[in-house]
Amino acid sequence: MIQGRPDRKTRIGIVASAKMSKTVSVTLTRLVRHPLYEKVMRRRKNILAHDEQGTCRAGDRVKIMETRPMSARKRWRVV
């Protein structure tokens, strides 16, 4: 950790699409408990991540890290 800068968030997800140049769409899945019924539900979110080498393919399990904004919607990069 650099002084004055917090640790960056990391997540693990599945590559949903790798059809863009240097960009992959990653699906993040988390488990949440319903507040009333207490059933465990899956919540999904698709985000765009920067893939510099272009090695990721659909279905790959990847680790992504928070980074500076790369474009209008891209704020993560593949580690």
Protein backbone atom coordinates (compact mmCIF):
# COMPACT_ATOMS: atom_id res chain seq x y z
CA MET A 1 0.00 0.00 0.00
CA ILE A 2 1.31 3.41 -0.98
CA GLN A 3 1.00 6.11 1.65
CA GLY A 4 -2.30 8.00 1.36
CA ARG A 5 -3.83 5.51 -1.09
CA PRO A 6 -6.10 2.66 0.05
CA ASP A 7 -5.81 -0.91 -1.21
CA ARG A 8 -7.63 -1.50 -4.47
CA LYS A 9 -10.69 -3.74 -4.60
CA THR A 10 -10.30 -7.14 -6.25
CA ARG A 11 -13.04 -9.48 -7.40
CA ILE A 12 -13.23 -12.89 -9.09
CA GLY A 13 -15.69 -13.39 -11.94
CA ILE A 14 -16.46 -15.25 -15.14
CA VAL A 15 -15.78 -13.74 -18.57
CA ALA A 16 -19.15 -13.36 -20.30
CA SER A 17 -17.91 -11.82 -23.55
CA ALA A 18 -14.49 -11.22 -25.10
CA LYS A 19 -15.58 -9.88 -28.49
CA MET A 20 -14.24 -6.35 -27.96
CA SER A 21 -10.68 -5.18 -28.50
CA LYS A 22 -8.71 -5.13 -25.20
CA THR A 23 -11.99 -5.28 -23.24
CA VAL A 24 -13.85 -8.15 -21.60
CA SER A 25 -17.28 -8.27 -19.98
CA VAL A 26 -17.08 -9.99 -16.59
CA THR A 27 -20.04 -11.34 -14.62
CA LEU A 28 -19.72 -10.98 -10.85
CA THR A 29 -21.99 -13.16 -8.71
CA ARG A 30 -22.63 -12.62 -5.01
CA LEU A 31 -24.90 -14.30 -2.49
CA VAL A 32 -27.31 -12.17 -0.45
CA ARG A 33 -29.87 -13.19 2.15
CA HIS A 34 -33.43 -11.93 1.68
CA PRO A 35 -34.25 -9.54 4.56
CA LEU A 36 -37.68 -11.03 5.30
CA TYR A 37 -37.67 -14.63 4.03
CA GLU A 38 -33.97 -15.31 4.69
CA LYS A 39 -33.58 -17.30 1.50
CA VAL A 40 -30.11 -17.01 -0.06
CA MET A 41 -30.31 -15.47 -3.52
CA ARG A 42 -27.76 -14.93 -6.28
CA ARG A 43 -27.21 -11.38 -7.50
CA ARG A 44 -25.27 -10.80 -10.73
CA LYS A 45 -23.61 -7.74 -12.19
CA ASN A 46 -21.82 -7.33 -15.53
CA ILE A 47 -18.86 -4.98 -15.67
CA LEU A 48 -16.27 -4.10 -18.30
CA ALA A 49 -12.59 -4.79 -17.60
CA HIS A 50 -9.40 -3.92 -19.47
CA ASP A 51 -7.52 -6.93 -20.91
CA GLU A 52 -4.25 -5.57 -22.32
CA GLN A 53 -2.97 -8.83 -23.89
CA GLY A 54 -6.38 -9.98 -25.10
CA THR A 55 -5.83 -13.50 -23.73
CA CYS A 56 -9.18 -13.92 -21.95
CA ARG A 57 -11.91 -16.02 -23.58
CA ALA A 58 -15.60 -16.45 -22.72
CA GLY A 59 -16.03 -18.78 -19.75
CA ASP A 60 -12.62 -18.06 -18.19
CA ARG A 61 -12.44 -17.38 -14.46
CA VAL A 62 -10.53 -14.14 -13.94
CA LYS A 63 -9.40 -11.88 -11.12
CA ILE A 64 -10.01 -8.19 -11.71
CA MET A 65 -8.71 -5.13 -9.88
CA GLU A 66 -10.07 -1.63 -9.53
CA THR A 67 -8.13 0.97 -11.52
CA ARG A 68 -8.34 4.47 -12.96
CA PRO A 69 -11.09 5.12 -15.52
CA MET A 70 -10.03 3.69 -18.89
CA SER A 71 -13.18 4.77 -20.73
CA ALA A 72 -16.76 5.81 -20.04
CA ARG A 73 -17.71 2.46 -18.45
CA LYS A 74 -14.35 0.71 -17.86
CA ARG A 75 -12.94 1.03 -14.32
CA TRP A 76 -11.44 -2.45 -13.77
CA ARG A 77 -8.53 -4.39 -15.24
CA VAL A 78 -7.74 -8.08 -15.50
CA VAL A 79 -5.02 -9.27 -13.11
